[in-house]
Amino acid sequence: MVYNNGIHIRYDVPNMISNLETQFKGCKIKFTSPIGQDPIMADLITHRIDNL
């Protein structure tokens, strides 16, 4: 799970995915936008803090 769009997301993860897809022929890995960009995340975090 990824929360924001940092350097690992822009460079490291795509390279790792490419390497894995090369290593495991026929395997396709789908990489979507970071979950932190979903507005519902703020509500979830608030809920978790409120329930500590």
N, C-alpha and C. Protein backbone atom coordinates (compact mmCIF):
# COMPACT_ATOMS: atom_id res chain seq x y z
N MET A 1 0.85 -1.16 0.00
CA MET A 1 0.00 0.00 0.00
C MET A 1 0.90 1.24 0.00
N VAL A 2 0.57 2.16 -0.83
CA VAL A 2 1.37 3.37 -0.98
C VAL A 2 0.52 4.58 -0.60
N TYR A 3 1.09 5.48 0.18
CA TYR A 3 0.33 6.62 0.68
C TYR A 3 0.60 7.93 -0.05
N ASN A 4 1.75 8.10 -0.65
CA ASN A 4 1.99 9.34 -1.37
C ASN A 4 2.91 9.10 -2.57
N ASN A 5 3.10 10.14 -3.35
CA ASN A 5 3.81 10.02 -4.62
C ASN A 5 5.25 10.51 -4.48
N GLY A 6 6.08 9.78 -3.72
CA GLY A 6 7.47 10.16 -3.51
C GLY A 6 8.39 9.56 -4.56
N ILE A 7 9.67 9.69 -4.31
CA ILE A 7 10.68 9.24 -5.28
C ILE A 7 10.63 7.74 -5.51
N HIS A 8 10.30 6.99 -4.46
CA HIS A 8 10.22 5.53 -4.64
C HIS A 8 9.12 5.17 -5.63
N ILE A 9 8.05 5.93 -5.59
CA ILE A 9 6.91 5.65 -6.47
C ILE A 9 7.24 5.99 -7.92
N ARG A 10 7.99 7.04 -8.11
CA ARG A 10 8.29 7.48 -9.47
C ARG A 10 9.41 6.68 -10.12
N TYR A 11 10.34 6.16 -9.33
CA TYR A 11 11.51 5.51 -9.92
C TYR A 11 11.71 4.06 -9.46
N ASP A 12 11.79 3.86 -8.16
CA ASP A 12 12.12 2.53 -7.64
C ASP A 12 11.06 1.49 -7.95
N VAL A 13 9.82 1.80 -7.65
CA VAL A 13 8.74 0.82 -7.84
C VAL A 13 8.57 0.44 -9.32
N PRO A 14 8.53 1.39 -10.25
CA PRO A 14 8.43 0.99 -11.66
C PRO A 14 9.59 0.09 -12.10
N ASN A 15 10.79 0.37 -11.61
CA ASN A 15 11.94 -0.48 -11.94
C ASN A 15 11.79 -1.88 -11.35
N MET A 16 11.30 -1.96 -10.12
CA MET A 16 11.09 -3.27 -9.49
C MET A 16 10.02 -4.05 -10.25
N ILE A 17 8.96 -3.37 -10.64
CA ILE A 17 7.89 -4.04 -11.40
C ILE A 17 8.44 -4.57 -12.72
N SER A 18 9.20 -3.76 -13.41
CA SER A 18 9.79 -4.18 -14.68
C SER A 18 10.68 -5.41 -14.50
N ASN A 19 11.49 -5.40 -13.45
CA ASN A 19 12.36 -6.53 -13.18
C ASN A 19 11.56 -7.80 -12.87
N LEU A 20 10.51 -7.66 -12.09
CA LEU A 20 9.68 -8.82 -11.75
C LEU A 20 8.96 -9.37 -12.98
N GLU A 21 8.45 -8.48 -13.81
CA GLU A 21 7.76 -8.93 -15.02
C GLU A 21 8.73 -9.63 -15.98
N THR A 22 9.99 -9.20 -15.98
CA THR A 22 11.00 -9.87 -16.80
C THR A 22 11.33 -11.24 -16.21
N GLN A 23 11.45 -11.28 -14.90
CA GLN A 23 11.79 -12.53 -14.22
C GLN A 23 10.66 -13.55 -14.32
N PHE A 24 9.42 -13.08 -14.20
CA PHE A 24 8.26 -13.98 -14.22
C PHE A 24 7.47 -13.73 -15.49
N LYS A 25 7.92 -14.30 -16.57
CA LYS A 25 7.28 -14.12 -17.88
C LYS A 25 5.80 -14.46 -17.78
N GLY A 26 4.98 -13.66 -18.40
CA GLY A 26 3.54 -13.87 -18.41
C GLY A 26 2.84 -13.23 -17.22
N CYS A 27 3.61 -12.72 -16.27
CA CYS A 27 3.03 -12.06 -15.10
C CYS A 27 2.96 -10.56 -15.39
N LYS A 28 1.78 -9.97 -15.27
CA LYS A 28 1.61 -8.54 -15.49
C LYS A 28 1.21 -7.90 -14.17
N ILE A 29 1.99 -6.93 -13.73
CA ILE A 29 1.73 -6.24 -12.47
C ILE A 29 1.12 -4.88 -12.79
N LYS A 30 -0.01 -4.61 -12.19
CA LYS A 30 -0.69 -3.33 -12.40
C LYS A 30 -0.40 -2.41 -11.22
N PHE A 31 0.07 -1.23 -11.50
CA PHE A 31 0.44 -0.25 -10.48
C PHE A 31 -0.47 0.96 -10.63
N THR A 32 -1.22 1.27 -9.59
CA THR A 32 -2.17 2.38 -9.66
C THR A 32 -1.68 3.56 -8.83
N SER A 33 -2.46 4.60 -8.79
CA SER A 33 -2.07 5.80 -8.05
C SER A 33 -2.02 5.52 -6.55
N PRO A 34 -1.20 6.28 -5.81
CA PRO A 34 -1.10 6.09 -4.37
C PRO A 34 -2.45 6.26 -3.67
N ILE A 35 -2.68 5.43 -2.67
CA ILE A 35 -3.96 5.47 -1.97
C ILE A 35 -4.11 6.76 -1.16
N GLY A 36 -3.01 7.40 -0.82
CA GLY A 36 -3.06 8.65 -0.05
C GLY A 36 -3.77 9.76 -0.80
N GLN A 37 -3.91 9.64 -2.11
CA GLN A 37 -4.61 10.66 -2.88
C GLN A 37 -6.12 10.47 -2.84
N ASP A 38 -6.57 9.39 -2.21
CA ASP A 38 -8.00 9.15 -2.09
C ASP A 38 -8.52 9.94 -0.89
N PRO A 39 -9.51 10.82 -1.09
CA PRO A 39 -10.02 11.66 0.00
C PRO A 39 -10.52 10.86 1.21
N ILE A 40 -10.92 9.63 1.01
CA ILE A 40 -11.43 8.84 2.12
C ILE A 40 -10.34 8.50 3.14
N MET A 41 -9.06 8.61 2.72
CA MET A 41 -7.96 8.31 3.64
C MET A 41 -7.95 9.24 4.85
N ALA A 42 -8.25 10.51 4.67
CA ALA A 42 -8.29 11.45 5.80
C ALA A 42 -9.35 11.01 6.81
N ASP A 43 -10.50 10.58 6.31
CA ASP A 43 -11.56 10.10 7.21
C ASP A 43 -11.11 8.84 7.95
N LEU A 44 -10.46 7.94 7.27
CA LEU A 44 -9.98 6.72 7.88
C LEU A 44 -8.96 7.02 8.98
N ILE A 45 -8.01 7.89 8.68
CA ILE A 45 -6.99 8.25 9.67
C ILE A 45 -7.62 8.92 10.88
N THR A 46 -8.56 9.83 10.64
CA THR A 46 -9.26 10.49 11.75
C THR A 46 -10.00 9.47 12.60
N HIS A 47 -10.67 8.55 11.97
CA HIS A 47 -11.40 7.50 12.67
C HIS A 47 -10.46 6.67 13.54
N ARG A 48 -9.30 6.29 12.99
CA ARG A 48 -8.33 5.49 13.74
C ARG A 48 -7.79 6.27 14.94
N ILE A 49 -7.51 7.56 14.76
CA ILE A 49 -7.00 8.38 15.87
C ILE A 49 -8.06 8.51 16.95
N ASP A 50 -9.29 8.75 16.54
CA ASP A 50 -10.39 8.90 17.51
C ASP A 50 -10.62 7.63 18.33
N ASN A 51 -10.23 6.50 17.79
CA ASN A 51 -10.47 5.22 18.47
C ASN A 51 -9.23 4.63 19.13
N LEU A 52 -8.23 5.47 19.39
CA LEU A 52 -7.03 4.98 20.11
C LEU A 52 -7.34 4.73 21.56
